[in-house]
Every structure is written in structure tokens, then in C-alpha cells.
Amino acid sequence: MVAKKETEKKTTKKTTAKKETTKTVVEKKVSKVAKKSLEDLKTVVNEEKTIETPKEETKEVKVEVATKREPKKDKFGRSQATGKKKNAIARVFIKLGKGKIVVNDRDMKDYFPRPVLQMIINQPFVVTNRVGEFDVVCTAIGGGLSGQAYALRHGISRALDLFEPELHTALKKAGFLTRDSRVVERKKPGLSKARKRFQFSKR
């Protein structure tokens, strides 16, 4: 019995010694790995420090100063513009005067007898509060009287914009500076007009 107890004590001592040795080996390995990981982290941090951080480029904000438009006039103090509507083209000259409008060497009231057309021509002056302050000389070609009247209004508006750039907003809001792109639709083959068909006959 005594011999058995002694052998058990010896085996327990051996097992405890083995466990201690394995613990120490494992601890050494863990410590080595931890040291390596710490060293790696230190090297990474040092490398990041050595890398020069790019300086933030100072963006120069260019403030665009809105330059005022200068009026465009010829040596006679006139501003020239071209107006269009349908097939009508009007070449317009305006200058300071008493409000006389001449179209193709004729007075406006003789050339455009309809009051509606006269009203259309005077619209740019009414919108800008410049009625009776400018003389207008115009040559109109193409189209009919209605198309020429709208072309003349377009040309007067553009000429006013060149003569006094401050009037641009009022003319733009009224829609007088944009060229009306609507034109007559072309005739189609097999039809009498653009959309109109010939009368259908069954027999």
C-alpha cells in the first residue's frame, strides 16, 4: 500500500511538472506573438508618421463680379437689331427722338392701318416706360403684315436691350426678346395641306 501511494505521488508530481512546463512554453509563445504584434503596430504607426500628410490645397474661390453691359451704339447714336417672325424679317434702327416710327419709308400708321398691329409694335416701349422717347427706322421684308408687325416688335426689343441694357429684365419677362420659332407646317404628300385631306369618295 505504501509503495502504491509513493508511485501515485510520483505520477502526480510528474503530471504537475509537465503541466507547468507546457504552461510556460505556451506563455512564452503568447508573449512572443504579443511582442511581435506590438512591434508591428509600432512600425505601422512610425511609418504613418513618416508619411507626409498632403497639405490641404487652399481653393481660391474666384468671385465673379457681374460686369455691367455697356450700350452698343454706332457713330450716329443708333442701336441696330434684327427681328424675325414666321417668314418676316425686320431690320431696326432706334435712336433718341420724339417717337416717330418709319417702316419702309412710310409712316407706321399708313403701313400698318390696323390698330392691333400698331399696339403690338409699341408694346416694348409701353413695358419699359419709354413711349415717345425713341425714333424708329425699319425695313421689313417677307411674310404678311401680321408677321412683319411681330418681327418689328422683336427687332425694337432687341435694339432697346442694346441701347439701354438696364431694360433687359423687363423685356425678357415680357417675352419680347425670344424669337418665336413657330412656322407654317409643311405640306404632306397625298394631302391638300399640312393636315387637311381631300374629300373621300366611295365611288
N, C-alpha and C. Protein backbone atom coordinates (compact mmCIF):
# COMPACT_ATOMS: atom_id res chain seq x y z
N MET A 1 0.83 -1.21 0.00
CA MET A 1 0.00 0.00 0.00
C MET A 1 0.86 1.26 0.00
N VAL A 2 1.92 1.20 0.77
CA VAL A 2 2.83 2.35 0.86
C VAL A 2 3.49 2.61 -0.48
N ALA A 3 3.86 1.47 -1.16
CA ALA A 3 4.51 1.59 -2.48
C ALA A 3 3.58 2.21 -3.48
N LYS A 4 2.29 1.82 -3.42
CA LYS A 4 1.30 2.39 -4.35
C LYS A 4 1.17 3.89 -4.14
N LYS A 5 1.08 4.34 -2.87
CA LYS A 5 0.95 5.76 -2.56
C LYS A 5 2.14 6.55 -3.08
N GLU A 6 3.34 5.96 -2.91
CA GLU A 6 4.54 6.66 -3.38
C GLU A 6 4.54 6.81 -4.91
N THR A 7 4.11 5.74 -5.61
CA THR A 7 4.06 5.81 -7.08
C THR A 7 3.02 6.84 -7.54
N GLU A 8 1.87 6.91 -6.81
CA GLU A 8 0.85 7.90 -7.17
C GLU A 8 1.37 9.31 -6.99
N LYS A 9 2.10 9.52 -5.86
CA LYS A 9 2.68 10.85 -5.62
C LYS A 9 3.65 11.22 -6.71
N LYS A 10 4.49 10.23 -7.13
CA LYS A 10 5.48 10.50 -8.20
C LYS A 10 4.78 10.87 -9.51
N THR A 11 3.71 10.12 -9.84
CA THR A 11 2.99 10.39 -11.09
C THR A 11 2.32 11.75 -11.05
N THR A 12 1.74 12.11 -9.90
CA THR A 12 1.11 13.44 -9.78
C THR A 12 2.14 14.55 -9.91
N LYS A 13 3.34 14.32 -9.30
CA LYS A 13 4.41 15.33 -9.43
C LYS A 13 4.84 15.49 -10.87
N LYS A 14 4.96 14.33 -11.58
CA LYS A 14 5.38 14.39 -12.98
C LYS A 14 4.35 15.13 -13.82
N THR A 15 3.05 14.81 -13.58
CA THR A 15 2.00 15.46 -14.37
C THR A 15 1.95 16.96 -14.10
N THR A 16 2.14 17.31 -12.80
CA THR A 16 2.14 18.75 -12.47
C THR A 16 3.33 19.45 -13.11
N ALA A 17 4.48 18.73 -13.11
CA ALA A 17 5.67 19.32 -13.73
C ALA A 17 5.46 19.51 -15.22
N LYS A 18 4.85 18.47 -15.86
CA LYS A 18 4.58 18.58 -17.31
C LYS A 18 3.64 19.74 -17.60
N LYS A 19 2.55 19.88 -16.78
CA LYS A 19 1.59 20.95 -16.97
C LYS A 19 2.26 22.32 -16.84
N GLU A 20 3.16 22.41 -15.81
CA GLU A 20 3.86 23.68 -15.62
C GLU A 20 4.74 24.01 -16.80
N THR A 21 5.45 22.96 -17.31
CA THR A 21 6.33 23.20 -18.46
C THR A 21 5.52 23.62 -19.69
N THR A 22 4.39 22.93 -19.91
CA THR A 22 3.55 23.29 -21.06
C THR A 22 3.00 24.70 -20.91
N LYS A 23 2.64 25.07 -19.66
CA LYS A 23 2.14 26.43 -19.42
C LYS A 23 3.20 27.46 -19.75
N THR A 24 4.41 27.18 -19.28
CA THR A 24 5.50 28.14 -19.51
C THR A 24 5.79 28.27 -21.01
N VAL A 25 5.77 27.11 -21.72
CA VAL A 25 6.02 27.14 -23.16
C VAL A 25 4.93 27.95 -23.87
N VAL A 26 3.68 27.70 -23.49
CA VAL A 26 2.56 28.42 -24.12
C VAL A 26 2.65 29.91 -23.81
N GLU A 27 2.97 30.24 -22.54
CA GLU A 27 3.09 31.65 -22.17
C GLU A 27 4.21 32.33 -22.95
N LYS A 28 5.33 31.61 -23.12
CA LYS A 28 6.44 32.19 -23.88
C LYS A 28 6.01 32.46 -25.33
N LYS A 29 5.29 31.46 -25.91
CA LYS A 29 4.85 31.63 -27.29
C LYS A 29 3.88 32.81 -27.42
N VAL A 30 2.93 32.90 -26.46
CA VAL A 30 1.96 34.00 -26.48
C VAL A 30 2.66 35.33 -26.33
N SER A 31 3.64 35.34 -25.41
CA SER A 31 4.37 36.60 -25.19
C SER A 31 5.14 37.01 -26.43
N LYS A 32 5.71 36.01 -27.13
CA LYS A 32 6.44 36.30 -28.37
C LYS A 32 5.50 36.87 -29.43
N VAL A 33 4.33 36.23 -29.55
CA VAL A 33 3.35 36.70 -30.55
C VAL A 33 2.88 38.11 -30.21
N ALA A 34 2.62 38.34 -28.92
CA ALA A 34 2.17 39.65 -28.49
C ALA A 34 3.24 40.71 -28.75
N LYS A 35 4.51 40.33 -28.45
CA LYS A 35 5.60 41.27 -28.71
C LYS A 35 5.69 41.60 -30.20
N LYS A 36 5.56 40.53 -31.03
CA LYS A 36 5.62 40.75 -32.47
C LYS A 36 4.50 41.67 -32.94
N SER A 37 3.29 41.40 -32.43
CA SER A 37 2.15 42.23 -32.85
C SER A 37 2.34 43.67 -32.39
N LEU A 38 2.87 43.86 -31.19
CA LEU A 38 3.13 45.22 -30.71
C LEU A 38 4.19 45.91 -31.55
N GLU A 39 5.24 45.13 -31.88
CA GLU A 39 6.30 45.69 -32.71
C GLU A 39 5.76 46.08 -34.10
N ASP A 40 4.88 45.19 -34.64
CA ASP A 40 4.28 45.51 -35.95
C ASP A 40 3.45 46.78 -35.88
N LEU A 41 2.67 46.89 -34.79
CA LEU A 41 1.85 48.09 -34.64
C LEU A 41 2.72 49.34 -34.52
N LYS A 42 3.80 49.23 -33.77
CA LYS A 42 4.70 50.37 -33.62
C LYS A 42 5.31 50.78 -34.96
N THR A 43 5.71 49.76 -35.73
CA THR A 43 6.30 50.07 -37.04
C THR A 43 5.28 50.74 -37.96
N VAL A 44 4.04 50.24 -37.91
CA VAL A 44 2.99 50.83 -38.75
C VAL A 44 2.74 52.28 -38.37
N VAL A 45 2.72 52.52 -37.03
CA VAL A 45 2.50 53.89 -36.55
C VAL A 45 3.64 54.79 -36.97
N ASN A 46 4.87 54.28 -36.85
CA ASN A 46 6.03 55.08 -37.26
C ASN A 46 6.01 55.39 -38.76
N GLU A 47 5.61 54.38 -39.56
CA GLU A 47 5.52 54.59 -40.99
C GLU A 47 4.47 55.65 -41.34
N GLU A 48 3.34 55.58 -40.62
CA GLU A 48 2.30 56.58 -40.86
C GLU A 48 2.78 57.98 -40.50
N LYS A 49 3.57 58.05 -39.43
CA LYS A 49 4.12 59.36 -39.04
C LYS A 49 5.09 59.87 -40.08
N THR A 50 5.91 58.95 -40.60
CA THR A 50 6.91 59.38 -41.58
C THR A 50 6.28 59.83 -42.89
N ILE A 51 5.13 59.20 -43.23
CA ILE A 51 4.46 59.62 -44.47
C ILE A 51 3.94 61.04 -44.29
N GLU A 52 4.34 61.89 -45.18
CA GLU A 52 3.92 63.29 -45.07
C GLU A 52 2.47 63.41 -45.47
N THR A 53 1.71 63.97 -44.58
CA THR A 53 0.29 64.19 -44.88
C THR A 53 0.18 65.31 -45.90
N PRO A 54 -0.56 65.05 -47.00
CA PRO A 54 -0.66 66.09 -48.03
C PRO A 54 -1.38 67.32 -47.50
N LYS A 55 -0.77 68.45 -47.78
CA LYS A 55 -1.36 69.70 -47.31
C LYS A 55 -2.64 69.98 -48.08
N GLU A 56 -3.62 70.42 -47.34
CA GLU A 56 -4.90 70.73 -47.97
C GLU A 56 -4.73 71.95 -48.88
N GLU A 57 -5.05 71.70 -50.13
CA GLU A 57 -4.90 72.77 -51.11
C GLU A 57 -5.95 73.84 -50.85
N THR A 58 -5.46 75.02 -50.71
CA THR A 58 -6.38 76.14 -50.47
C THR A 58 -7.03 76.51 -51.79
N LYS A 59 -8.31 76.23 -51.84
CA LYS A 59 -9.04 76.53 -53.07
C LYS A 59 -9.35 78.02 -53.12
N GLU A 60 -8.84 78.60 -54.17
CA GLU A 60 -9.09 80.02 -54.35
C GLU A 60 -10.45 80.21 -55.00
N VAL A 61 -11.34 80.75 -54.23
CA VAL A 61 -12.69 80.99 -54.74
C VAL A 61 -12.68 82.29 -55.52
N LYS A 62 -12.93 82.12 -56.80
CA LYS A 62 -12.94 83.30 -57.67
C LYS A 62 -14.34 83.91 -57.66
N VAL A 63 -14.41 85.07 -57.13
CA VAL A 63 -15.69 85.77 -57.08
C VAL A 63 -15.86 86.53 -58.38
N GLU A 64 -16.84 86.05 -59.14
CA GLU A 64 -17.08 86.69 -60.42
C GLU A 64 -17.92 87.95 -60.20
N VAL A 65 -17.32 89.03 -60.53
CA VAL A 65 -18.01 90.31 -60.38
C VAL A 65 -18.86 90.52 -61.63
N ALA A 66 -20.15 90.74 -61.40
CA ALA A 66 -21.06 90.94 -62.52
C ALA A 66 -20.77 92.28 -63.17
N THR A 67 -20.13 92.22 -64.32
CA THR A 67 -19.79 93.44 -65.03
C THR A 67 -21.02 93.97 -65.76
N LYS A 68 -21.20 95.26 -65.67
CA LYS A 68 -22.35 95.88 -66.33
C LYS A 68 -22.11 95.93 -67.83
N ARG A 69 -23.16 95.60 -68.57
CA ARG A 69 -23.08 95.67 -70.02
C ARG A 69 -23.07 97.12 -70.46
N GLU A 70 -22.23 97.38 -71.44
CA GLU A 70 -22.18 98.73 -71.99
C GLU A 70 -23.11 98.82 -73.19
N PRO A 71 -23.77 99.95 -73.36
CA PRO A 71 -24.66 100.10 -74.52
C PRO A 71 -23.89 100.09 -75.83
N LYS A 72 -24.49 99.48 -76.85
CA LYS A 72 -23.86 99.39 -78.16
C LYS A 72 -24.54 100.37 -79.11
N LYS A 73 -23.77 101.37 -79.53
CA LYS A 73 -24.29 102.39 -80.44
C LYS A 73 -23.26 102.67 -81.54
N ASP A 74 -23.77 103.10 -82.68
CA ASP A 74 -22.85 103.46 -83.76
C ASP A 74 -22.49 104.95 -83.64
N LYS A 75 -21.78 105.47 -84.63
CA LYS A 75 -21.31 106.86 -84.55
C LYS A 75 -22.46 107.87 -84.64
N PHE A 76 -23.62 107.41 -85.12
CA PHE A 76 -24.78 108.30 -85.19
C PHE A 76 -25.68 108.20 -83.94
N GLY A 77 -25.26 107.44 -82.95
CA GLY A 77 -26.04 107.27 -81.72
C GLY A 77 -27.21 106.34 -81.87
N ARG A 78 -27.10 105.38 -82.81
CA ARG A 78 -28.20 104.44 -83.06
C ARG A 78 -27.80 103.04 -82.60
N SER A 79 -28.80 102.28 -82.24
CA SER A 79 -28.62 100.85 -81.98
C SER A 79 -29.37 100.07 -83.03
N GLN A 80 -28.72 99.03 -83.54
CA GLN A 80 -29.29 98.26 -84.64
C GLN A 80 -29.58 96.84 -84.18
N ALA A 81 -30.71 96.26 -84.65
CA ALA A 81 -31.06 94.87 -84.33
C ALA A 81 -31.96 94.33 -85.42
N THR A 82 -32.05 92.99 -85.44
CA THR A 82 -32.88 92.30 -86.43
C THR A 82 -33.94 91.49 -85.70
N GLY A 83 -35.18 91.63 -86.16
CA GLY A 83 -36.28 90.85 -85.60
C GLY A 83 -36.88 89.93 -86.63
N LYS A 84 -37.39 88.77 -86.16
CA LYS A 84 -37.94 87.78 -87.08
C LYS A 84 -39.24 87.21 -86.52
N LYS A 85 -40.11 86.84 -87.45
CA LYS A 85 -41.35 86.16 -87.10
C LYS A 85 -41.87 85.48 -88.37
N LYS A 86 -42.10 84.18 -88.29
CA LYS A 86 -42.52 83.40 -89.47
C LYS A 86 -41.50 83.62 -90.59
N ASN A 87 -41.96 84.15 -91.76
CA ASN A 87 -41.05 84.44 -92.86
C ASN A 87 -40.66 85.91 -92.94
N ALA A 88 -41.12 86.71 -91.99
CA ALA A 88 -40.85 88.15 -92.00
C ALA A 88 -39.55 88.46 -91.27
N ILE A 89 -38.81 89.41 -91.85
CA ILE A 89 -37.55 89.86 -91.26
C ILE A 89 -37.58 91.39 -91.21
N ALA A 90 -37.29 91.95 -90.04
CA ALA A 90 -37.30 93.40 -89.86
C ALA A 90 -35.94 93.85 -89.34
N ARG A 91 -35.35 94.79 -90.06
CA ARG A 91 -34.08 95.39 -89.63
C ARG A 91 -34.38 96.75 -89.02
N VAL A 92 -34.02 96.93 -87.75
CA VAL A 92 -34.49 98.08 -86.96
C VAL A 92 -33.31 98.94 -86.52
N PHE A 93 -33.48 100.26 -86.63
CA PHE A 93 -32.55 101.23 -86.07
C PHE A 93 -33.33 102.13 -85.13
N ILE A 94 -32.84 102.29 -83.90
CA ILE A 94 -33.51 103.20 -82.96
C ILE A 94 -32.50 104.23 -82.44
N LYS A 95 -33.01 105.41 -82.17
CA LYS A 95 -32.21 106.48 -81.56
C LYS A 95 -33.16 107.39 -80.79
N LEU A 96 -32.59 108.22 -79.93
CA LEU A 96 -33.41 109.13 -79.14
C LEU A 96 -34.13 110.11 -80.06
N GLY A 97 -35.41 110.31 -79.78
CA GLY A 97 -36.20 111.20 -80.63
C GLY A 97 -37.55 111.50 -80.01
N LYS A 98 -38.56 111.67 -80.89
CA LYS A 98 -39.89 112.07 -80.45
C LYS A 98 -40.94 110.98 -80.62
N GLY A 99 -40.51 109.75 -80.92
CA GLY A 99 -41.45 108.64 -81.02
C GLY A 99 -41.97 108.38 -82.42
N LYS A 100 -41.24 108.83 -83.44
CA LYS A 100 -41.67 108.62 -84.82
C LYS A 100 -41.19 107.24 -85.29
N ILE A 101 -42.10 106.47 -85.91
CA ILE A 101 -41.76 105.13 -86.40
C ILE A 101 -41.99 105.11 -87.91
N VAL A 102 -40.94 104.79 -88.66
CA VAL A 102 -41.00 104.74 -90.12
C VAL A 102 -40.69 103.32 -90.57
N VAL A 103 -41.58 102.76 -91.38
CA VAL A 103 -41.40 101.39 -91.89
C VAL A 103 -41.38 101.43 -93.42
N ASN A 104 -40.27 101.01 -93.99
CA ASN A 104 -40.11 101.01 -95.46
C ASN A 104 -40.45 102.39 -96.06
N ASP A 105 -39.87 103.43 -95.45
CA ASP A 105 -40.04 104.83 -95.89
C ASP A 105 -41.50 105.30 -95.82
N ARG A 106 -42.30 104.68 -95.00
CA ARG A 106 -43.69 105.09 -94.80
C ARG A 106 -43.97 105.18 -93.31
N ASP A 107 -44.91 106.02 -92.96
CA ASP A 107 -45.30 106.14 -91.56
C ASP A 107 -45.94 104.83 -91.09
N MET A 108 -45.75 104.50 -89.81
CA MET A 108 -46.27 103.24 -89.28
C MET A 108 -47.78 103.14 -89.44
N LYS A 109 -48.50 104.24 -89.22
CA LYS A 109 -49.96 104.20 -89.28
C LYS A 109 -50.45 103.98 -90.72
N ASP A 110 -49.65 104.39 -91.70
CA ASP A 110 -50.01 104.13 -93.10
C ASP A 110 -49.66 102.69 -93.48
N TYR A 111 -48.52 102.22 -92.99
CA TYR A 111 -48.07 100.87 -93.36
C TYR A 111 -48.88 99.81 -92.63
N PHE A 112 -49.17 100.04 -91.34
CA PHE A 112 -49.98 99.11 -90.55
C PHE A 112 -51.28 99.81 -90.15
N PRO A 113 -52.31 99.77 -91.00
CA PRO A 113 -53.55 100.50 -90.70
C PRO A 113 -54.33 99.92 -89.53
N ARG A 114 -54.14 98.65 -89.21
CA ARG A 114 -54.92 98.04 -88.12
C ARG A 114 -54.37 98.49 -86.76
N PRO A 115 -55.26 98.96 -85.88
CA PRO A 115 -54.79 99.41 -84.55
C PRO A 115 -54.13 98.30 -83.73
N VAL A 116 -54.54 97.05 -83.95
CA VAL A 116 -53.95 95.94 -83.19
C VAL A 116 -52.47 95.80 -83.53
N LEU A 117 -52.12 95.92 -84.80
CA LEU A 117 -50.72 95.81 -85.21
C LEU A 117 -49.91 96.99 -84.67
N GLN A 118 -50.50 98.17 -84.66
CA GLN A 118 -49.81 99.34 -84.09
C GLN A 118 -49.55 99.14 -82.59
N MET A 119 -50.53 98.55 -81.90
CA MET A 119 -50.37 98.28 -80.47
C MET A 119 -49.23 97.28 -80.24
N ILE A 120 -49.17 96.24 -81.11
CA ILE A 120 -48.12 95.22 -80.98
C ILE A 120 -46.73 95.85 -81.15
N ILE A 121 -46.60 96.77 -82.09
CA ILE A 121 -45.30 97.40 -82.35
C ILE A 121 -44.86 98.27 -81.17
N ASN A 122 -45.83 98.92 -80.51
CA ASN A 122 -45.50 99.83 -79.40
C ASN A 122 -45.34 99.12 -78.06
N GLN A 123 -45.58 97.83 -78.01
CA GLN A 123 -45.51 97.11 -76.73
C GLN A 123 -44.16 97.22 -76.01
N PRO A 124 -43.02 97.11 -76.71
CA PRO A 124 -41.73 97.24 -75.99
C PRO A 124 -41.56 98.59 -75.30
N PHE A 125 -42.05 99.65 -75.91
CA PHE A 125 -41.94 100.97 -75.30
C PHE A 125 -42.89 101.11 -74.11
N VAL A 126 -44.05 100.47 -74.17
CA VAL A 126 -45.01 100.54 -73.07
C VAL A 126 -44.47 99.79 -71.85
N VAL A 127 -43.88 98.61 -72.09
CA VAL A 127 -43.37 97.78 -70.99
C VAL A 127 -42.21 98.48 -70.28
N THR A 128 -41.36 99.18 -71.01
CA THR A 128 -40.17 99.83 -70.44
C THR A 128 -40.40 101.30 -70.09
N ASN A 129 -41.63 101.79 -70.24
CA ASN A 129 -41.96 103.20 -69.96
C ASN A 129 -41.08 104.16 -70.79
N ARG A 130 -41.00 103.87 -72.07
CA ARG A 130 -40.22 104.71 -72.97
C ARG A 130 -41.06 105.18 -74.17
N VAL A 131 -42.32 105.37 -73.94
CA VAL A 131 -43.22 105.77 -75.03
C VAL A 131 -42.89 107.20 -75.45
N GLY A 132 -42.68 107.40 -76.78
CA GLY A 132 -42.41 108.73 -77.32
C GLY A 132 -40.99 109.22 -77.09
N GLU A 133 -40.05 108.35 -76.70
CA GLU A 133 -38.68 108.77 -76.43
C GLU A 133 -37.69 108.33 -77.52
N PHE A 134 -38.12 107.44 -78.42
CA PHE A 134 -37.21 106.91 -79.44
C PHE A 134 -37.83 107.05 -80.83
N ASP A 135 -36.99 107.34 -81.79
CA ASP A 135 -37.37 107.29 -83.20
C ASP A 135 -36.93 105.95 -83.77
N VAL A 136 -37.77 105.35 -84.59
CA VAL A 136 -37.50 104.02 -85.14
C VAL A 136 -37.54 104.10 -86.66
N VAL A 137 -36.53 103.54 -87.29
CA VAL A 137 -36.49 103.39 -88.75
C VAL A 137 -36.32 101.92 -89.03
N CYS A 138 -37.21 101.36 -89.85
CA CYS A 138 -37.22 99.92 -90.05
C CYS A 138 -37.41 99.60 -91.53
N THR A 139 -36.80 98.50 -91.95
CA THR A 139 -37.07 97.91 -93.27
C THR A 139 -37.56 96.49 -93.04
N ALA A 140 -38.76 96.19 -93.53
CA ALA A 140 -39.38 94.89 -93.31
C ALA A 140 -39.58 94.20 -94.66
N ILE A 141 -39.22 92.91 -94.68
CA ILE A 141 -39.40 92.11 -95.90
C ILE A 141 -39.99 90.76 -95.51
N GLY A 142 -40.71 90.14 -96.48
CA GLY A 142 -41.22 88.79 -96.28
C GLY A 142 -42.46 88.75 -95.42
N GLY A 143 -43.26 87.68 -95.63
CA GLY A 143 -44.45 87.47 -94.81
C GLY A 143 -45.54 88.49 -95.08
N GLY A 144 -46.51 88.52 -94.17
CA GLY A 144 -47.62 89.46 -94.28
C GLY A 144 -47.49 90.56 -93.25
N LEU A 145 -48.53 91.35 -93.14
CA LEU A 145 -48.49 92.48 -92.22
C LEU A 145 -48.38 92.02 -90.77
N SER A 146 -49.10 90.96 -90.41
CA SER A 146 -49.05 90.47 -89.03
C SER A 146 -47.65 89.98 -88.68
N GLY A 147 -47.06 89.18 -89.57
CA GLY A 147 -45.71 88.68 -89.32
C GLY A 147 -44.70 89.80 -89.25
N GLN A 148 -44.85 90.80 -90.11
CA GLN A 148 -43.91 91.93 -90.10
C GLN A 148 -44.06 92.75 -88.82
N ALA A 149 -45.30 92.88 -88.33
CA ALA A 149 -45.51 93.64 -87.08
C ALA A 149 -44.81 92.94 -85.91
N TYR A 150 -44.96 91.63 -85.82
CA TYR A 150 -44.30 90.89 -84.74
C TYR A 150 -42.77 90.91 -84.90
N ALA A 151 -42.31 90.86 -86.14
CA ALA A 151 -40.87 90.95 -86.39
C ALA A 151 -40.33 92.31 -85.98
N LEU A 152 -41.13 93.35 -86.26
CA LEU A 152 -40.73 94.71 -85.87
C LEU A 152 -40.67 94.84 -84.35
N ARG A 153 -41.65 94.23 -83.64
CA ARG A 153 -41.62 94.25 -82.18
C ARG A 153 -40.38 93.54 -81.64
N HIS A 154 -40.06 92.41 -82.25
CA HIS A 154 -38.86 91.67 -81.83
C HIS A 154 -37.60 92.49 -82.05
N GLY A 155 -37.52 93.14 -83.21
CA GLY A 155 -36.33 93.96 -83.51
C GLY A 155 -36.22 95.17 -82.61
N ILE A 156 -37.35 95.84 -82.32
CA ILE A 156 -37.32 97.01 -81.42
C ILE A 156 -36.88 96.58 -80.02
N SER A 157 -37.36 95.42 -79.55
CA SER A 157 -36.99 94.94 -78.21
C SER A 157 -35.50 94.67 -78.12
N ARG A 158 -34.96 94.04 -79.14
CA ARG A 158 -33.52 93.73 -79.12
C ARG A 158 -32.68 95.00 -79.24
N ALA A 159 -33.15 95.95 -80.03
CA ALA A 159 -32.43 97.22 -80.16
C ALA A 159 -32.46 98.02 -78.86
N LEU A 160 -33.61 97.99 -78.17
CA LEU A 160 -33.71 98.65 -76.86
C LEU A 160 -32.76 98.01 -75.85
N ASP A 161 -32.65 96.69 -75.91
CA ASP A 161 -31.75 95.98 -75.00
C ASP A 161 -30.30 96.39 -75.23
N LEU A 162 -29.96 96.66 -76.49
CA LEU A 162 -28.59 97.11 -76.79
C LEU A 162 -28.39 98.58 -76.42
N PHE A 163 -29.43 99.38 -76.61
CA PHE A 163 -29.32 100.82 -76.32
C PHE A 163 -29.27 101.08 -74.82
N GLU A 164 -30.14 100.40 -74.06
CA GLU A 164 -30.17 100.52 -72.60
C GLU A 164 -30.19 99.12 -71.99
N PRO A 165 -29.04 98.57 -71.61
CA PRO A 165 -29.01 97.21 -71.04
C PRO A 165 -29.81 97.05 -69.76
N GLU A 166 -30.14 98.15 -69.08
CA GLU A 166 -30.93 98.08 -67.85
C GLU A 166 -32.36 97.60 -68.11
N LEU A 167 -32.81 97.72 -69.35
CA LEU A 167 -34.18 97.32 -69.69
C LEU A 167 -34.29 95.83 -70.01
N HIS A 168 -33.20 95.09 -69.88
CA HIS A 168 -33.18 93.68 -70.30
C HIS A 168 -34.19 92.85 -69.52
N THR A 169 -34.24 93.04 -68.20
CA THR A 169 -35.12 92.18 -67.38
C THR A 169 -36.59 92.39 -67.73
N ALA A 170 -36.98 93.65 -67.92
CA ALA A 170 -38.39 93.94 -68.23
C ALA A 170 -38.77 93.34 -69.58
N LEU A 171 -37.89 93.47 -70.56
CA LEU A 171 -38.16 92.93 -71.89
C LEU A 171 -38.15 91.41 -71.88
N LYS A 172 -37.26 90.83 -71.08
CA LYS A 172 -37.17 89.37 -71.01
C LYS A 172 -38.41 88.77 -70.34
N LYS A 173 -38.87 89.41 -69.27
CA LYS A 173 -40.07 88.92 -68.59
C LYS A 173 -41.29 88.98 -69.49
N ALA A 174 -41.35 90.03 -70.30
CA ALA A 174 -42.49 90.17 -71.22
C ALA A 174 -42.41 89.18 -72.38
N GLY A 175 -41.23 88.59 -72.60
CA GLY A 175 -41.06 87.60 -73.66
C GLY A 175 -40.82 88.21 -75.02
N PHE A 176 -40.38 89.47 -75.06
CA PHE A 176 -40.17 90.15 -76.34
C PHE A 176 -38.79 89.89 -76.94
N LEU A 177 -37.86 89.35 -76.15
CA LEU A 177 -36.51 89.12 -76.67
C LEU A 177 -36.34 87.75 -77.30
N THR A 178 -37.28 86.85 -77.06
CA THR A 178 -37.17 85.50 -77.62
C THR A 178 -37.83 85.45 -79.00
N ARG A 179 -37.15 84.81 -79.91
CA ARG A 179 -37.66 84.68 -81.26
C ARG A 179 -38.72 83.59 -81.29
N ASP A 180 -39.90 83.90 -81.80
CA ASP A 180 -40.99 82.93 -81.88
C ASP A 180 -40.65 81.93 -82.97
N SER A 181 -40.41 80.68 -82.57
CA SER A 181 -39.94 79.67 -83.51
C SER A 181 -41.06 79.00 -84.30
N ARG A 182 -42.30 79.38 -84.04
CA ARG A 182 -43.41 78.74 -84.73
C ARG A 182 -43.47 79.18 -86.19
N VAL A 183 -43.50 78.21 -87.08
CA VAL A 183 -43.61 78.49 -88.52
C VAL A 183 -44.68 77.58 -89.11
N VAL A 184 -45.01 77.83 -90.37
CA VAL A 184 -46.05 77.05 -91.03
C VAL A 184 -45.57 75.62 -91.22
N GLU A 185 -46.43 74.66 -90.91
CA GLU A 185 -46.09 73.25 -91.07
C GLU A 185 -46.09 72.89 -92.56
N ARG A 186 -45.17 72.07 -92.97
CA ARG A 186 -45.02 71.75 -94.38
C ARG A 186 -46.18 70.88 -94.87
N LYS A 187 -46.42 70.98 -96.17
CA LYS A 187 -47.47 70.17 -96.80
C LYS A 187 -46.98 68.73 -96.93
N LYS A 188 -47.92 67.78 -96.74
CA LYS A 188 -47.59 66.36 -96.85
C LYS A 188 -48.10 65.80 -98.18
N PRO A 189 -47.38 64.82 -98.74
CA PRO A 189 -47.87 64.20 -99.99
C PRO A 189 -49.15 63.41 -99.74
N GLY A 190 -50.08 63.51 -100.69
CA GLY A 190 -51.36 62.83 -100.54
C GLY A 190 -52.40 63.63 -99.80
N LEU A 191 -52.01 64.79 -99.25
CA LEU A 191 -52.94 65.68 -98.55
C LEU A 191 -52.99 67.02 -99.27
N SER A 192 -54.10 67.73 -99.08
CA SER A 192 -54.22 69.03 -99.74
C SER A 192 -53.39 70.11 -99.05
N LYS A 193 -53.19 69.96 -97.70
CA LYS A 193 -52.35 70.89 -96.94
C LYS A 193 -51.53 70.07 -95.94
N ALA A 194 -51.11 70.70 -94.87
CA ALA A 194 -50.29 70.00 -93.87
C ALA A 194 -51.08 68.89 -93.19
N ARG A 195 -52.35 69.14 -92.86
CA ARG A 195 -53.20 68.14 -92.20
C ARG A 195 -54.49 67.87 -92.98
N LYS A 196 -54.91 68.83 -93.78
CA LYS A 196 -56.20 68.71 -94.47
C LYS A 196 -56.15 67.64 -95.55
N ARG A 197 -57.19 66.79 -95.58
CA ARG A 197 -57.26 65.71 -96.57
C ARG A 197 -58.26 66.08 -97.67
N PHE A 198 -58.08 65.40 -98.79
CA PHE A 198 -59.08 65.56 -99.86
C PHE A 198 -60.38 64.87 -99.45
N GLN A 199 -61.47 65.31 -100.05
CA GLN A 199 -62.77 64.72 -99.72
C GLN A 199 -62.80 63.25 -100.16
N PHE A 200 -63.29 62.39 -99.26
CA PHE A 200 -63.32 60.96 -99.56
C PHE A 200 -64.55 60.65 -100.42
N SER A 201 -64.33 59.91 -101.48
CA SER A 201 -65.41 59.48 -102.36
C SER A 201 -65.40 57.97 -102.42
N LYS A 202 -66.53 57.36 -102.06
CA LYS A 202 -66.59 55.90 -102.04
C LYS A 202 -66.65 55.34 -103.46
N ARG A 203 -67.32 56.03 -104.40
CA ARG A 203 -67.43 55.54 -105.78
C ARG A 203 -66.97 56.61 -106.75
